[in-house]
Amino acid sequence: MRKNFGAKPILYPQPVFIIATYNEDGTANAMNAAWGGISESNQITMCIGDNHRTARNVMARKAFTVSMATADYVSQCDYVGIVSGDDVPDKLARCGFHTSKSAFVDAPLIDELPMAVECKLLSYDTETCCMIGEVVNVCAEESVLTDGKIDPQKLRPITFDGMNHTYLALGEKVGNAFADGMKWK
């Protein structure tokens, strides 16, 4: 028998995204967000309220980066989500994060997080908090590559478990996409 939980924002896996922007003074800022994903082949959609400094920065600069939070930096990734850049303007430095300027958009890359999606703002709806970005580049450190491709076991991205308020590392490979199902064809 199934248990009903009602209407809740629970979905598995729910990636943990770190959205990075530049403040008005050019310093880097970032926040933790779990509600988002790829919405078109060259678009990413994120849900962030316009009360966040990050949202205001994105609207001003028309650019942002989205890094995958990793198991190696769980506490830092959690910290940037629980502390507001309005209250702690140096929150990235406080948790030991360093940044480099993206070569593709007017936004920072977080050096410690080895994979990022670099985006230009396409639209932002203040009523739905829906922010859509055009993906202009995906970058990854060589340390998380195998045969020139991003290797999730090296990247160690985490997901958010909204039901239990925990972070989980992505697990083992269990199959091959576009291949294992062929036996049912």
C-alpha atoms as a PDB file:
ATOM      1  CA  MET A   1       0.000   0.000   0.000  1.00  0.00           C
ATOM      2  CA  ARG A   2       1.211   3.512  -0.823  1.00  0.00           C
ATOM      3  CA  LYS A   3       1.346   6.359   1.668  1.00  0.00           C
ATOM      4  CA  ASN A   4       0.110   9.754   0.463  1.00  0.00           C
ATOM      5  CA  PHE A   5       2.114  12.815   1.470  1.00  0.00           C
ATOM      6  CA  GLY A   6      -0.004  15.480  -0.212  1.00  0.00           C
ATOM      7  CA  ALA A   7       1.227  18.215  -2.513  1.00  0.00           C
ATOM      8  CA  LYS A   8       4.904  18.698  -1.663  1.00  0.00           C
ATOM      9  CA  PRO A   9       7.989  19.676  -3.711  1.00  0.00           C
ATOM     10  CA  ILE A  10       9.513  16.192  -3.426  1.00  0.00           C
ATOM     11  CA  LEU A  11      11.252  14.571  -6.383  1.00  0.00           C
ATOM     12  CA  TYR A  12      14.226  12.217  -6.608  1.00  0.00           C
ATOM     13  CA  PRO A  13      16.947  12.971  -7.468  1.00  0.00           C
ATOM     14  CA  GLN A  14      16.829  16.730  -6.900  1.00  0.00           C
ATOM     15  CA  PRO A  15      20.183  18.227  -7.909  1.00  0.00           C
ATOM     16  CA  VAL A  16      21.828  20.811  -5.689  1.00  0.00           C
ATOM     17  CA  PHE A  17      22.757  23.812  -7.802  1.00  0.00           C
ATOM     18  CA  ILE A  18      25.016  26.656  -6.717  1.00  0.00           C
ATOM     19  CA  ILE A  19      24.043  29.774  -8.662  1.00  0.00           C
ATOM     20  CA  ALA A  20      26.834  32.365  -8.826  1.00  0.00           C
ATOM     21  CA  THR A  21      26.615  36.026  -9.829  1.00  0.00           C
ATOM     22  CA  TYR A  22      28.445  39.277  -9.384  1.00  0.00           C
ATOM     23  CA  ASN A  23      27.181  41.917  -6.966  1.00  0.00           C
ATOM     24  CA  GLU A  24      26.897  45.575  -7.981  1.00  0.00           C
ATOM     25  CA  ASP A  25      30.440  46.211  -6.682  1.00  0.00           C
ATOM     26  CA  GLY A  26      31.896  43.293  -8.690  1.00  0.00           C
ATOM     27  CA  THR A  27      32.322  40.878  -5.770  1.00  0.00           C
ATOM     28  CA  ALA A  28      31.107  37.330  -6.241  1.00  0.00           C
ATOM     29  CA  ASN A  29      27.951  35.964  -4.607  1.00  0.00           C
ATOM     30  CA  ALA A  30      26.311  32.541  -4.721  1.00  0.00           C
ATOM     31  CA  MET A  31      23.284  30.695  -3.423  1.00  0.00           C
ATOM     32  CA  ASN A  32      22.165  27.089  -3.088  1.00  0.00           C
ATOM     33  CA  ALA A  33      19.063  26.151  -5.096  1.00  0.00           C
ATOM     34  CA  ALA A  34      17.444  22.784  -5.678  1.00  0.00           C
ATOM     35  CA  TRP A  35      14.448  23.669  -7.829  1.00  0.00           C
ATOM     36  CA  GLY A  36      15.626  23.670 -11.414  1.00  0.00           C
ATOM     37  CA  GLY A  37      16.940  21.726 -14.342  1.00  0.00           C
ATOM     38  CA  ILE A  38      17.434  21.544 -18.088  1.00  0.00           C
ATOM     39  CA  SER A  39      14.265  22.713 -19.834  1.00  0.00           C
ATOM     40  CA  GLU A  40      15.403  22.795 -23.477  1.00  0.00           C
ATOM     41  CA  SER A  41      18.536  21.580 -25.236  1.00  0.00           C
ATOM     42  CA  ASN A  42      20.191  24.946 -24.621  1.00  0.00           C
ATOM     43  CA  GLN A  43      18.194  26.246 -21.638  1.00  0.00           C
ATOM     44  CA  ILE A  44      18.191  25.852 -17.874  1.00  0.00           C
ATOM     45  CA  THR A  45      15.274  26.888 -15.674  1.00  0.00           C
ATOM     46  CA  MET A  46      15.672  27.801 -12.024  1.00  0.00           C
ATOM     47  CA  CYS A  47      13.088  28.799  -9.432  1.00  0.00           C
ATOM     48  CA  ILE A  48      14.411  31.583  -7.198  1.00  0.00           C
ATOM     49  CA  GLY A  49      12.478  34.377  -5.540  1.00  0.00           C
ATOM     50  CA  ASP A  50      13.219  37.979  -6.446  1.00  0.00           C
ATOM     51  CA  ASN A  51      13.918  38.662  -2.762  1.00  0.00           C
ATOM     52  CA  HIS A  52      17.295  36.915  -3.148  1.00  0.00           C
ATOM     53  CA  ARG A  53      20.378  39.003  -3.853  1.00  0.00           C
ATOM     54  CA  THR A  54      21.313  36.408  -6.477  1.00  0.00           C
ATOM     55  CA  ALA A  55      18.093  37.035  -8.413  1.00  0.00           C
ATOM     56  CA  ARG A  56      18.641  40.797  -8.300  1.00  0.00           C
ATOM     57  CA  ASN A  57      22.239  40.303  -9.477  1.00  0.00           C
ATOM     58  CA  VAL A  58      21.130  38.083 -12.361  1.00  0.00           C
ATOM     59  CA  MET A  59      18.582  40.657 -13.484  1.00  0.00           C
ATOM     60  CA  ALA A  60      21.210  43.414 -13.328  1.00  0.00           C
ATOM     61  CA  ARG A  61      24.060  41.496 -15.021  1.00  0.00           C
ATOM     62  CA  LYS A  62      21.919  39.275 -17.293  1.00  0.00           C
ATOM     63  CA  ALA A  63      24.216  36.335 -16.556  1.00  0.00           C
ATOM     64  CA  PHE A  64      24.883  33.575 -14.023  1.00  0.00           C
ATOM     65  CA  THR A  65      26.692  30.287 -13.596  1.00  0.00           C
ATOM     66  CA  VAL A  66      25.270  27.086 -12.161  1.00  0.00           C
ATOM     67  CA  SER A  67      27.730  24.726 -10.504  1.00  0.00           C
ATOM     68  CA  MET A  68      26.922  21.237  -9.349  1.00  0.00           C
ATOM     69  CA  ALA A  69      27.350  20.977  -5.584  1.00  0.00           C
ATOM     70  CA  THR A  70      29.671  18.102  -4.723  1.00  0.00           C
ATOM     71  CA  ALA A  71      30.184  15.701  -1.839  1.00  0.00           C
ATOM     72  CA  ASP A  72      33.620  17.215  -1.203  1.00  0.00           C
ATOM     73  CA  TYR A  73      32.065  20.623  -0.478  1.00  0.00           C
ATOM     74  CA  VAL A  74      28.744  19.780   1.203  1.00  0.00           C
ATOM     75  CA  SER A  75      29.135  22.164   4.140  1.00  0.00           C
ATOM     76  CA  GLN A  76      30.230  25.088   1.959  1.00  0.00           C
ATOM     77  CA  CYS A  77      27.377  24.483  -0.484  1.00  0.00           C
ATOM     78  CA  ASP A  78      24.892  24.300   2.378  1.00  0.00           C
ATOM     79  CA  TYR A  79      26.332  27.476   3.923  1.00  0.00           C
ATOM     80  CA  VAL A  80      25.822  29.612   0.799  1.00  0.00           C
ATOM     81  CA  GLY A  81      22.181  28.554   0.895  1.00  0.00           C
ATOM     82  CA  ILE A  82      21.505  29.379   4.532  1.00  0.00           C
ATOM     83  CA  VAL A  83      23.316  32.743   4.693  1.00  0.00           C
ATOM     84  CA  SER A  84      22.086  35.719   2.682  1.00  0.00           C
ATOM     85  CA  GLY A  85      24.515  37.761   0.657  1.00  0.00           C
ATOM     86  CA  ASP A  86      22.585  40.801   1.910  1.00  0.00           C
ATOM     87  CA  ASP A  87      23.694  39.974   5.471  1.00  0.00           C
ATOM     88  CA  VAL A  88      27.109  38.408   4.781  1.00  0.00           C
ATOM     89  CA  PRO A  89      28.598  39.985   1.641  1.00  0.00           C
ATOM     90  CA  ASP A  90      31.808  37.930   1.889  1.00  0.00           C
ATOM     91  CA  LYS A  91      30.076  34.578   2.404  1.00  0.00           C
ATOM     92  CA  LEU A  92      32.064  32.876  -0.378  1.00  0.00           C
ATOM     93  CA  ALA A  93      35.375  33.827   1.222  1.00  0.00           C
ATOM     94  CA  ARG A  94      34.109  32.845   4.685  1.00  0.00           C
ATOM     95  CA  CYS A  95      33.483  29.268   3.584  1.00  0.00           C
ATOM     96  CA  GLY A  96      36.743  29.029   1.627  1.00  0.00           C
ATOM     97  CA  PHE A  97      35.382  29.373  -1.909  1.00  0.00           C
ATOM     98  CA  HIS A  98      37.428  31.206  -4.546  1.00  0.00           C
ATOM     99  CA  THR A  99      36.178  32.427  -7.918  1.00  0.00           C
ATOM    100  CA  SER A 100      37.391  33.066 -11.452  1.00  0.00           C
ATOM    101  CA  LYS A 101      35.637  35.100 -14.112  1.00  0.00           C
ATOM    102  CA  SER A 102      33.803  33.104 -16.753  1.00  0.00           C
ATOM    103  CA  ALA A 103      35.173  33.608 -20.263  1.00  0.00           C
ATOM    104  CA  PHE A 104      31.651  33.350 -21.679  1.00  0.00           C
ATOM    105  CA  VAL A 105      29.298  35.320 -19.398  1.00  0.00           C
ATOM    106  CA  ASP A 106      29.494  38.146 -16.845  1.00  0.00           C
ATOM    107  CA  ALA A 107      29.449  35.807 -13.849  1.00  0.00           C
ATOM    108  CA  PRO A 108      31.943  33.965 -11.635  1.00  0.00           C
ATOM    109  CA  LEU A 109      32.965  30.328 -11.644  1.00  0.00           C
ATOM    110  CA  ILE A 110      33.550  28.778  -8.213  1.00  0.00           C
ATOM    111  CA  ASP A 111      37.020  27.261  -8.418  1.00  0.00           C
ATOM    112  CA  GLU A 112      36.368  24.478  -5.890  1.00  0.00           C
ATOM    113  CA  LEU A 113      33.267  23.186  -7.731  1.00  0.00           C
ATOM    114  CA  PRO A 114      34.637  21.384 -10.793  1.00  0.00           C
ATOM    115  CA  MET A 115      31.608  21.587 -13.121  1.00  0.00           C
ATOM    116  CA  ALA A 116      29.568  24.606 -14.158  1.00  0.00           C
ATOM    117  CA  VAL A 117      26.977  25.692 -16.689  1.00  0.00           C
ATOM    118  CA  GLU A 118      27.509  29.259 -17.898  1.00  0.00           C
ATOM    119  CA  CYS A 119      24.286  31.095 -18.762  1.00  0.00           C
ATOM    120  CA  LYS A 120      22.860  34.303 -20.181  1.00  0.00           C
ATOM    121  CA  LEU A 121      19.529  35.380 -18.756  1.00  0.00           C
ATOM    122  CA  LEU A 122      16.657  34.879 -21.200  1.00  0.00           C
ATOM    123  CA  SER A 123      13.762  35.739 -18.903  1.00  0.00           C
ATOM    124  CA  TYR A 124      12.653  36.093 -15.307  1.00  0.00           C
ATOM    125  CA  ASP A 125       9.022  36.028 -14.140  1.00  0.00           C
ATOM    126  CA  THR A 126       8.581  37.670 -10.732  1.00  0.00           C
ATOM    127  CA  GLU A 127       5.164  36.046 -10.235  1.00  0.00           C
ATOM    128  CA  THR A 128       6.355  32.461 -10.725  1.00  0.00           C
ATOM    129  CA  CYS A 129      10.020  33.037  -9.704  1.00  0.00           C
ATOM    130  CA  CYS A 130      10.949  31.231 -12.926  1.00  0.00           C
ATOM    131  CA  MET A 131      14.366  32.217 -14.274  1.00  0.00           C
ATOM    132  CA  ILE A 132      15.368  30.872 -17.679  1.00  0.00           C
ATOM    133  CA  GLY A 133      18.942  31.009 -18.890  1.00  0.00           C
ATOM    134  CA  GLU A 134      20.530  30.209 -22.228  1.00  0.00           C
ATOM    135  CA  VAL A 135      23.341  27.709 -21.783  1.00  0.00           C
ATOM    136  CA  VAL A 136      26.352  29.170 -23.574  1.00  0.00           C
ATOM    137  CA  ASN A 137      28.988  26.811 -22.183  1.00  0.00           C
ATOM    138  CA  VAL A 138      29.479  23.826 -19.917  1.00  0.00           C
ATOM    139  CA  CYS A 139      32.916  23.532 -18.339  1.00  0.00           C
ATOM    140  CA  ALA A 140      34.580  20.957 -16.130  1.00  0.00           C
ATOM    141  CA  GLU A 141      37.981  20.528 -14.548  1.00  0.00           C
ATOM    142  CA  GLU A 142      40.090  17.770 -16.088  1.00  0.00           C
ATOM    143  CA  SER A 143      40.187  16.079 -12.679  1.00  0.00           C
ATOM    144  CA  VAL A 144      36.544  14.979 -13.126  1.00  0.00           C
ATOM    145  CA  LEU A 145      36.925  13.715 -16.702  1.00  0.00           C
ATOM    146  CA  THR A 146      37.345  10.184 -17.980  1.00  0.00           C
ATOM    147  CA  ASP A 147      38.106   9.784 -21.689  1.00  0.00           C
ATOM    148  CA  GLY A 148      37.328  13.487 -22.181  1.00  0.00           C
ATOM    149  CA  LYS A 149      33.819  13.269 -20.682  1.00  0.00           C
ATOM    150  CA  ILE A 150      32.449  14.312 -17.294  1.00  0.00           C
ATOM    151  CA  ASP A 151      32.585  11.297 -14.980  1.00  0.00           C
ATOM    152  CA  PRO A 152      29.868  11.469 -12.276  1.00  0.00           C
ATOM    153  CA  GLN A 153      31.856   9.154 -10.009  1.00  0.00           C
ATOM    154  CA  LYS A 154      34.751  11.613 -10.057  1.00  0.00           C
ATOM    155  CA  LEU A 155      32.506  14.697  -9.881  1.00  0.00           C
ATOM    156  CA  ARG A 156      30.501  13.289  -6.943  1.00  0.00           C
ATOM    157  CA  PRO A 157      27.473  15.589  -7.340  1.00  0.00           C
ATOM    158  CA  ILE A 158      24.975  15.655  -4.512  1.00  0.00           C
ATOM    159  CA  THR A 159      21.198  15.660  -4.500  1.00  0.00           C
ATOM    160  CA  PHE A 160      18.778  17.184  -2.017  1.00  0.00           C
ATOM    161  CA  ASP A 161      16.379  14.915  -0.158  1.00  0.00           C
ATOM    162  CA  GLY A 162      13.576  17.335   0.682  1.00  0.00           C
ATOM    163  CA  MET A 163      11.620  14.752   2.635  1.00  0.00           C
ATOM    164  CA  ASN A 164      14.436  14.097   5.115  1.00  0.00           C
ATOM    165  CA  HIS A 165      16.408  17.366   4.746  1.00  0.00           C
ATOM    166  CA  THR A 166      19.618  15.588   3.815  1.00  0.00           C
ATOM    167  CA  TYR A 167      22.134  15.614   0.972  1.00  0.00           C
ATOM    168  CA  LEU A 168      22.976  12.388  -0.844  1.00  0.00           C
ATOM    169  CA  ALA A 169      25.909  11.636  -3.132  1.00  0.00           C
ATOM    170  CA  LEU A 170      25.019  10.155  -6.501  1.00  0.00           C
ATOM    171  CA  GLY A 171      25.507   6.419  -6.474  1.00  0.00           C
ATOM    172  CA  GLU A 172      26.800   3.691  -8.666  1.00  0.00           C
ATOM    173  CA  LYS A 173      26.164   3.070 -12.343  1.00  0.00           C
ATOM    174  CA  VAL A 174      23.199   0.712 -12.741  1.00  0.00           C
ATOM    175  CA  GLY A 175      22.622   0.696 -16.494  1.00  0.00           C
ATOM    176  CA  ASN A 176      23.271   2.133 -19.942  1.00  0.00           C
ATOM    177  CA  ALA A 177      20.947   4.786 -21.375  1.00  0.00           C
ATOM    178  CA  PHE A 178      19.493   4.139 -24.827  1.00  0.00           C
ATOM    179  CA  ALA A 179      20.803   0.580 -24.715  1.00  0.00           C
ATOM    180  CA  ASP A 180      19.463  -1.514 -21.827  1.00  0.00           C
ATOM    181  CA  GLY A 181      15.848  -1.009 -22.849  1.00  0.00           C
ATOM    182  CA  MET A 182      16.504  -2.295 -26.350  1.00  0.00           C
ATOM    183  CA  LYS A 183      15.795  -5.833 -25.187  1.00  0.00           C
ATOM    184  CA  TRP A 184      12.110  -4.866 -24.901  1.00  0.00           C
ATOM    185  CA  LYS A 185      11.914  -3.499 -28.431  1.00  0.00           C
END
